[in-house]
Amino acid sequence: MKFFKLVQFLTLILFLIVNLQPLQAQGNRDFMRETGKIYVVTGVILIIFAGIVLYLVRLDKKLTNIEHQLKEGKNE
């Protein structure tokens, strides 16, 4: 249940970030947007962020399983 709430929260944050109106840049600051490379940079950042989130979720599941095994070992 916690996992789905986390996914919903992260999805909401992602949509908010994507829908924010970019500030009007002038001159050379608009170079990345003009050449279309800003989308590549944004995509790479999102992929890295998603990878970190997935890694942390998997790590949390593994730690929870180890904690349950330790508790069961103490009860025996």
PDB file of N, CA and C in Angstrom:
ATOM      1  N   MET A   1       0.819  -1.190   0.000  1.00  0.00           N
ATOM      2  CA  MET A   1       0.000   0.000   0.000  1.00  0.00           C
ATOM      3  C   MET A   1       0.870   1.265   0.000  1.00  0.00           C
ATOM      4  N   LYS A   2       1.975   1.216   0.786  1.00  0.00           N
ATOM      5  CA  LYS A   2       2.871   2.366   0.821  1.00  0.00           C
ATOM      6  C   LYS A   2       3.498   2.612  -0.545  1.00  0.00           C
ATOM      7  N   PHE A   3       3.812   1.518  -1.246  1.00  0.00           N
ATOM      8  CA  PHE A   3       4.458   1.629  -2.551  1.00  0.00           C
ATOM      9  C   PHE A   3       3.563   2.377  -3.537  1.00  0.00           C
ATOM     10  N   PHE A   4       2.260   2.059  -3.546  1.00  0.00           N
ATOM     11  CA  PHE A   4       1.349   2.705  -4.485  1.00  0.00           C
ATOM     12  C   PHE A   4       1.154   4.182  -4.144  1.00  0.00           C
ATOM     13  N   LYS A   5       1.157   4.511  -2.852  1.00  0.00           N
ATOM     14  CA  LYS A   5       1.061   5.916  -2.468  1.00  0.00           C
ATOM     15  C   LYS A   5       2.304   6.659  -2.904  1.00  0.00           C
ATOM     16  N   LEU A   6       3.462   6.021  -2.767  1.00  0.00           N
ATOM     17  CA  LEU A   6       4.714   6.636  -3.205  1.00  0.00           C
ATOM     18  C   LEU A   6       4.706   6.859  -4.714  1.00  0.00           C
ATOM     19  N   VAL A   7       4.236   5.878  -5.452  1.00  0.00           N
ATOM     20  CA  VAL A   7       4.173   5.998  -6.915  1.00  0.00           C
ATOM     21  C   VAL A   7       3.215   7.113  -7.313  1.00  0.00           C
ATOM     22  N   GLN A   8       2.068   7.189  -6.643  1.00  0.00           N
ATOM     23  CA  GLN A   8       1.109   8.252  -6.952  1.00  0.00           C
ATOM     24  C   GLN A   8       1.711   9.623  -6.661  1.00  0.00           C
ATOM     25  N   PHE A   9       2.413   9.740  -5.538  1.00  0.00           N
ATOM     26  CA  PHE A   9       3.031  11.010  -5.177  1.00  0.00           C
ATOM     27  C   PHE A   9       4.092  11.405  -6.202  1.00  0.00           C
ATOM     28  N   LEU A  10       4.936  10.460  -6.582  1.00  0.00           N
ATOM     29  CA  LEU A  10       5.995  10.757  -7.553  1.00  0.00           C
ATOM     30  C   LEU A  10       5.414  11.096  -8.927  1.00  0.00           C
ATOM     31  N   THR A  11       4.325  10.433  -9.297  1.00  0.00           N
ATOM     32  CA  THR A  11       3.661  10.736 -10.566  1.00  0.00           C
ATOM     33  C   THR A  11       3.100  12.156 -10.551  1.00  0.00           C
ATOM     34  N   LEU A  12       2.490  12.533  -9.432  1.00  0.00           N
ATOM     35  CA  LEU A  12       1.963  13.885  -9.299  1.00  0.00           C
ATOM     36  C   LEU A  12       3.080  14.913  -9.416  1.00  0.00           C
ATOM     37  N   ILE A  13       4.187  14.674  -8.741  1.00  0.00           N
ATOM     38  CA  ILE A  13       5.330  15.587  -8.813  1.00  0.00           C
ATOM     39  C   ILE A  13       5.852  15.680 -10.245  1.00  0.00           C
ATOM     40  N   LEU A  14       5.937  14.543 -10.928  1.00  0.00           N
ATOM     41  CA  LEU A  14       6.417  14.532 -12.313  1.00  0.00           C
ATOM     42  C   LEU A  14       5.523  15.372 -13.216  1.00  0.00           C
ATOM     43  N   PHE A  15       4.204  15.196 -13.086  1.00  0.00           N
ATOM     44  CA  PHE A  15       3.288  15.981 -13.907  1.00  0.00           C
ATOM     45  C   PHE A  15       3.376  17.473 -13.594  1.00  0.00           C
ATOM     46  N   LEU A  16       3.569  17.814 -12.330  1.00  0.00           N
ATOM     47  CA  LEU A  16       3.716  19.226 -11.977  1.00  0.00           C
ATOM     48  C   LEU A  16       4.974  19.815 -12.590  1.00  0.00           C
ATOM     49  N   ILE A  17       6.058  19.053 -12.568  1.00  0.00           N
ATOM     50  CA  ILE A  17       7.314  19.542 -13.139  1.00  0.00           C
ATOM     51  C   ILE A  17       7.189  19.715 -14.645  1.00  0.00           C
ATOM     52  N   VAL A  18       6.562  18.743 -15.305  1.00  0.00           N
ATOM     53  CA  VAL A  18       6.446  18.794 -16.759  1.00  0.00           C
ATOM     54  C   VAL A  18       5.541  19.947 -17.188  1.00  0.00           C
ATOM     55  N   ASN A  19       4.483  20.226 -16.413  1.00  0.00           N
ATOM     56  CA  ASN A  19       3.512  21.236 -16.819  1.00  0.00           C
ATOM     57  C   ASN A  19       3.875  22.655 -16.407  1.00  0.00           C
ATOM     58  N   LEU A  20       4.960  22.826 -15.680  1.00  0.00           N
ATOM     59  CA  LEU A  20       5.362  24.182 -15.321  1.00  0.00           C
ATOM     60  C   LEU A  20       5.770  24.945 -16.584  1.00  0.00           C
ATOM     61  N   GLN A  21       5.315  26.155 -16.652  1.00  0.00           N
ATOM     62  CA  GLN A  21       5.683  26.979 -17.803  1.00  0.00           C
ATOM     63  C   GLN A  21       7.119  27.451 -17.643  1.00  0.00           C
ATOM     64  N   PRO A  22       7.962  27.179 -18.622  1.00  0.00           N
ATOM     65  CA  PRO A  22       9.357  27.622 -18.511  1.00  0.00           C
ATOM     66  C   PRO A  22       9.441  29.148 -18.579  1.00  0.00           C
ATOM     67  N   LEU A  23      10.395  29.664 -17.855  1.00  0.00           N
ATOM     68  CA  LEU A  23      10.618  31.111 -17.885  1.00  0.00           C
ATOM     69  C   LEU A  23      11.181  31.505 -19.246  1.00  0.00           C
ATOM     70  N   GLN A  24      10.818  32.682 -19.682  1.00  0.00           N
ATOM     71  CA  GLN A  24      11.304  33.158 -20.972  1.00  0.00           C
ATOM     72  C   GLN A  24      12.791  33.474 -20.871  1.00  0.00           C
ATOM     73  N   ALA A  25      13.571  32.769 -21.653  1.00  0.00           N
ATOM     74  CA  ALA A  25      15.012  33.003 -21.658  1.00  0.00           C
ATOM     75  C   ALA A  25      15.366  33.889 -22.848  1.00  0.00           C
ATOM     76  N   GLN A  26      16.422  34.641 -22.683  1.00  0.00           N
ATOM     77  CA  GLN A  26      16.841  35.548 -23.746  1.00  0.00           C
ATOM     78  C   GLN A  26      18.258  35.207 -24.185  1.00  0.00           C
ATOM     79  N   GLY A  27      18.528  35.461 -25.425  1.00  0.00           N
ATOM     80  CA  GLY A  27      19.884  35.327 -25.949  1.00  0.00           C
ATOM     81  C   GLY A  27      20.405  33.908 -25.927  1.00  0.00           C
ATOM     82  N   ASN A  28      21.631  33.734 -25.435  1.00  0.00           N
ATOM     83  CA  ASN A  28      22.300  32.443 -25.437  1.00  0.00           C
ATOM     84  C   ASN A  28      21.680  31.446 -24.475  1.00  0.00           C
ATOM     85  N   ARG A  29      20.919  31.930 -23.493  1.00  0.00           N
ATOM     86  CA  ARG A  29      20.312  31.013 -22.523  1.00  0.00           C
ATOM     87  C   ARG A  29      19.250  30.132 -23.167  1.00  0.00           C
ATOM     88  N   ASP A  30      18.783  30.489 -24.335  1.00  0.00           N
ATOM     89  CA  ASP A  30      17.742  29.732 -25.014  1.00  0.00           C
ATOM     90  C   ASP A  30      18.323  28.722 -26.003  1.00  0.00           C
ATOM     91  N   PHE A  31      19.633  28.576 -26.039  1.00  0.00           N
ATOM     92  CA  PHE A  31      20.296  27.715 -27.012  1.00  0.00           C
ATOM     93  C   PHE A  31      19.840  26.265 -26.908  1.00  0.00           C
ATOM     94  N   MET A  32      19.773  25.717 -25.683  1.00  0.00           N
ATOM     95  CA  MET A  32      19.399  24.313 -25.503  1.00  0.00           C
ATOM     96  C   MET A  32      17.973  24.054 -25.977  1.00  0.00           C
ATOM     97  N   ARG A  33      17.096  24.998 -25.747  1.00  0.00           N
ATOM     98  CA  ARG A  33      15.708  24.820 -26.162  1.00  0.00           C
ATOM     99  C   ARG A  33      15.574  24.931 -27.683  1.00  0.00           C
ATOM    100  N   GLU A  34      16.313  25.820 -28.281  1.00  0.00           N
ATOM    101  CA  GLU A  34      16.241  25.994 -29.729  1.00  0.00           C
ATOM    102  C   GLU A  34      16.742  24.767 -30.482  1.00  0.00           C
ATOM    103  N   THR A  35      17.786  24.143 -29.968  1.00  0.00           N
ATOM    104  CA  THR A  35      18.353  22.985 -30.660  1.00  0.00           C
ATOM    105  C   THR A  35      17.641  21.681 -30.291  1.00  0.00           C
ATOM    106  N   GLY A  36      16.736  21.734 -29.312  1.00  0.00           N
ATOM    107  CA  GLY A  36      15.989  20.538 -28.929  1.00  0.00           C
ATOM    108  C   GLY A  36      16.729  19.640 -27.953  1.00  0.00           C
ATOM    109  N   LYS A  37      17.893  20.052 -27.522  1.00  0.00           N
ATOM    110  CA  LYS A  37      18.681  19.218 -26.614  1.00  0.00           C
ATOM    111  C   LYS A  37      18.165  19.278 -25.179  1.00  0.00           C
ATOM    112  N   ILE A  38      17.361  20.272 -24.879  1.00  0.00           N
ATOM    113  CA  ILE A  38      16.822  20.380 -23.526  1.00  0.00           C
ATOM    114  C   ILE A  38      15.952  19.171 -23.201  1.00  0.00           C
ATOM    115  N   TYR A  39      15.287  18.611 -24.210  1.00  0.00           N
ATOM    116  CA  TYR A  39      14.447  17.436 -23.989  1.00  0.00           C
ATOM    117  C   TYR A  39      15.301  16.205 -23.688  1.00  0.00           C
ATOM    118  N   VAL A  40      16.452  16.134 -24.306  1.00  0.00           N
ATOM    119  CA  VAL A  40      17.371  15.024 -24.029  1.00  0.00           C
ATOM    120  C   VAL A  40      17.879  15.128 -22.598  1.00  0.00           C
ATOM    121  N   VAL A  41      18.267  16.315 -22.198  1.00  0.00           N
ATOM    122  CA  VAL A  41      18.770  16.531 -20.842  1.00  0.00           C
ATOM    123  C   VAL A  41      17.681  16.204 -19.820  1.00  0.00           C
ATOM    124  N   THR A  42      16.470  16.684 -20.059  1.00  0.00           N
ATOM    125  CA  THR A  42      15.351  16.417 -19.157  1.00  0.00           C
ATOM    126  C   THR A  42      15.061  14.923 -19.091  1.00  0.00           C
ATOM    127  N   GLY A  43      15.089  14.262 -20.212  1.00  0.00           N
ATOM    128  CA  GLY A  43      14.836  12.821 -20.247  1.00  0.00           C
ATOM    129  C   GLY A  43      15.882  12.037 -19.466  1.00  0.00           C
ATOM    130  N   VAL A  44      17.137  12.406 -19.622  1.00  0.00           N
ATOM    131  CA  VAL A  44      18.210  11.717 -18.902  1.00  0.00           C
ATOM    132  C   VAL A  44      18.064  11.923 -17.399  1.00  0.00           C
ATOM    133  N   ILE A  45      17.747  13.146 -16.992  1.00  0.00           N
ATOM    134  CA  ILE A  45      17.554  13.421 -15.570  1.00  0.00           C
ATOM    135  C   ILE A  45      16.394  12.606 -15.018  1.00  0.00           C
ATOM    136  N   LEU A  46      15.295  12.516 -15.757  1.00  0.00           N
ATOM    137  CA  LEU A  46      14.137  11.737 -15.299  1.00  0.00           C
ATOM    138  C   LEU A  46      14.458  10.250 -15.218  1.00  0.00           C
ATOM    139  N   ILE A  47      15.224   9.738 -16.162  1.00  0.00           N
ATOM    140  CA  ILE A  47      15.601   8.321 -16.133  1.00  0.00           C
ATOM    141  C   ILE A  47      16.491   8.035 -14.924  1.00  0.00           C
ATOM    142  N   ILE A  48      17.435   8.928 -14.653  1.00  0.00           N
ATOM    143  CA  ILE A  48      18.303   8.741 -13.488  1.00  0.00           C
ATOM    144  C   ILE A  48      17.487   8.796 -12.206  1.00  0.00           C
ATOM    145  N   PHE A  49      16.577   9.757 -12.105  1.00  0.00           N
ATOM    146  CA  PHE A  49      15.735   9.889 -10.916  1.00  0.00           C
ATOM    147  C   PHE A  49      14.863   8.650 -10.732  1.00  0.00           C
ATOM    148  N   ALA A  50      14.269   8.154 -11.809  1.00  0.00           N
ATOM    149  CA  ALA A  50      13.436   6.950 -11.721  1.00  0.00           C
ATOM    150  C   ALA A  50      14.270   5.745 -11.295  1.00  0.00           C
ATOM    151  N   GLY A  51      15.485   5.642 -11.803  1.00  0.00           N
ATOM    152  CA  GLY A  51      16.369   4.550 -11.403  1.00  0.00           C
ATOM    153  C   GLY A  51      16.707   4.599  -9.925  1.00  0.00           C
ATOM    154  N   ILE A  52      16.970   5.780  -9.413  1.00  0.00           N
ATOM    155  CA  ILE A  52      17.267   5.921  -7.986  1.00  0.00           C
ATOM    156  C   ILE A  52      16.059   5.549  -7.144  1.00  0.00           C
ATOM    157  N   VAL A  53      14.882   5.987  -7.556  1.00  0.00           N
ATOM    158  CA  VAL A  53      13.654   5.665  -6.811  1.00  0.00           C
ATOM    159  C   VAL A  53      13.414   4.158  -6.817  1.00  0.00           C
ATOM    160  N   LEU A  54      13.547   3.522  -7.971  1.00  0.00           N
ATOM    161  CA  LEU A  54      13.342   2.074  -8.041  1.00  0.00           C
ATOM    162  C   LEU A  54      14.364   1.320  -7.189  1.00  0.00           C
ATOM    163  N   TYR A  55      15.599   1.781  -7.193  1.00  0.00           N
ATOM    164  CA  TYR A  55      16.629   1.157  -6.372  1.00  0.00           C
ATOM    165  C   TYR A  55      16.274   1.257  -4.890  1.00  0.00           C
ATOM    166  N   LEU A  56      15.826   2.428  -4.465  1.00  0.00           N
ATOM    167  CA  LEU A  56      15.468   2.608  -3.058  1.00  0.00           C
ATOM    168  C   LEU A  56      14.258   1.771  -2.661  1.00  0.00           C
ATOM    169  N   VAL A  57      13.299   1.635  -3.556  1.00  0.00           N
ATOM    170  CA  VAL A  57      12.123   0.802  -3.258  1.00  0.00           C
ATOM    171  C   VAL A  57      12.538  -0.656  -3.115  1.00  0.00           C
ATOM    172  N   ARG A  58      13.369  -1.142  -4.019  1.00  0.00           N
ATOM    173  CA  ARG A  58      13.840  -2.534  -3.929  1.00  0.00           C
ATOM    174  C   ARG A  58      14.662  -2.757  -2.663  1.00  0.00           C
ATOM    175  N   LEU A  59      15.499  -1.798  -2.325  1.00  0.00           N
ATOM    176  CA  LEU A  59      16.313  -1.898  -1.121  1.00  0.00           C
ATOM    177  C   LEU A  59      15.439  -1.928   0.129  1.00  0.00           C
ATOM    178  N   ASP A  60      14.386  -1.125   0.145  1.00  0.00           N
ATOM    179  CA  ASP A  60      13.460  -1.115   1.275  1.00  0.00           C
ATOM    180  C   ASP A  60      12.755  -2.462   1.421  1.00  0.00           C
ATOM    181  N   LYS A  61      12.345  -3.057   0.308  1.00  0.00           N
ATOM    182  CA  LYS A  61      11.707  -4.381   0.355  1.00  0.00           C
ATOM    183  C   LYS A  61      12.664  -5.439   0.899  1.00  0.00           C
ATOM    184  N   LYS A  62      13.905  -5.404   0.449  1.00  0.00           N
ATOM    185  CA  LYS A  62      14.883  -6.379   0.923  1.00  0.00           C
ATOM    186  C   LYS A  62      15.140  -6.216   2.416  1.00  0.00           C
ATOM    187  N   LEU A  63      15.271  -4.975   2.861  1.00  0.00           N
ATOM    188  CA  LEU A  63      15.497  -4.732   4.280  1.00  0.00           C
ATOM    189  C   LEU A  63      14.302  -5.164   5.124  1.00  0.00           C
ATOM    190  N   THR A  64      13.103  -4.951   4.619  1.00  0.00           N
ATOM    191  CA  THR A  64      11.902  -5.387   5.332  1.00  0.00           C
ATOM    192  C   THR A  64      11.888  -6.906   5.463  1.00  0.00           C
ATOM    193  N   ASN A  65      12.253  -7.615   4.405  1.00  0.00           N
ATOM    194  CA  ASN A  65      12.307  -9.079   4.462  1.00  0.00           C
ATOM    195  C   ASN A  65      13.348  -9.551   5.477  1.00  0.00           C
ATOM    196  N   ILE A  66      14.499  -8.908   5.502  1.00  0.00           N
ATOM    197  CA  ILE A  66      15.547  -9.282   6.459  1.00  0.00           C
ATOM    198  C   ILE A  66      15.078  -9.019   7.891  1.00  0.00           C
ATOM    199  N   GLU A  67      14.391  -7.890   8.108  1.00  0.00           N
ATOM    200  CA  GLU A  67      13.867  -7.591   9.444  1.00  0.00           C
ATOM    201  C   GLU A  67      12.866  -8.645   9.890  1.00  0.00           C
ATOM    202  N   HIS A  68      11.982  -9.080   8.977  1.00  0.00           N
ATOM    203  CA  HIS A  68      11.015 -10.122   9.313  1.00  0.00           C
ATOM    204  C   HIS A  68      11.716 -11.434   9.636  1.00  0.00           C
ATOM    205  N   GLN A  69      12.755 -11.770   8.886  1.00  0.00           N
ATOM    206  CA  GLN A  69      13.495 -13.004   9.162  1.00  0.00           C
ATOM    207  C   GLN A  69      14.183 -12.930  10.525  1.00  0.00           C
ATOM    208  N   LEU A  70      14.731 -11.785  10.880  1.00  0.00           N
ATOM    209  CA  LEU A  70      15.381 -11.628  12.177  1.00  0.00           C
ATOM    210  C   LEU A  70      14.369 -11.737  13.323  1.00  0.00           C
ATOM    211  N   LYS A  71      13.192 -11.153  13.140  1.00  0.00           N
ATOM    212  CA  LYS A  71      12.154 -11.236  14.169  1.00  0.00           C
ATOM    213  C   LYS A  71      11.688 -12.677  14.351  1.00  0.00           C
ATOM    214  N   GLU A  72      11.529 -13.409  13.240  1.00  0.00           N
ATOM    215  CA  GLU A  72      11.110 -14.807  13.311  1.00  0.00           C
ATOM    216  C   GLU A  72      12.188 -15.661  13.989  1.00  0.00           C
ATOM    217  N   GLY A  73      13.438 -15.353  13.765  1.00  0.00           N
ATOM    218  CA  GLY A  73      14.539 -16.089  14.383  1.00  0.00           C
ATOM    219  C   GLY A  73      14.596 -15.874  15.897  1.00  0.00           C
ATOM    220  N   LYS A  74      14.270 -14.684  16.352  1.00  0.00           N
ATOM    221  CA  LYS A  74      14.271 -14.389  17.780  1.00  0.00           C
ATOM    222  C   LYS A  74      13.097 -15.054  18.500  1.00  0.00           C
ATOM    223  N   ASN A  75      11.965 -15.207  17.783  1.00  0.00           N
ATOM    224  CA  ASN A  75      10.763 -15.790  18.386  1.00  0.00           C
ATOM    225  C   ASN A  75      10.906 -17.299  18.566  1.00  0.00           C
ATOM    226  N   GLU A  76      11.779 -17.920  17.828  1.00  0.00           N
ATOM    227  CA  GLU A  76      11.895 -19.391  17.909  1.00  0.00           C
ATOM    228  C   GLU A  76      12.628 -19.842  19.105  1.00  0.00           C
TER     229      GLU A  76
END
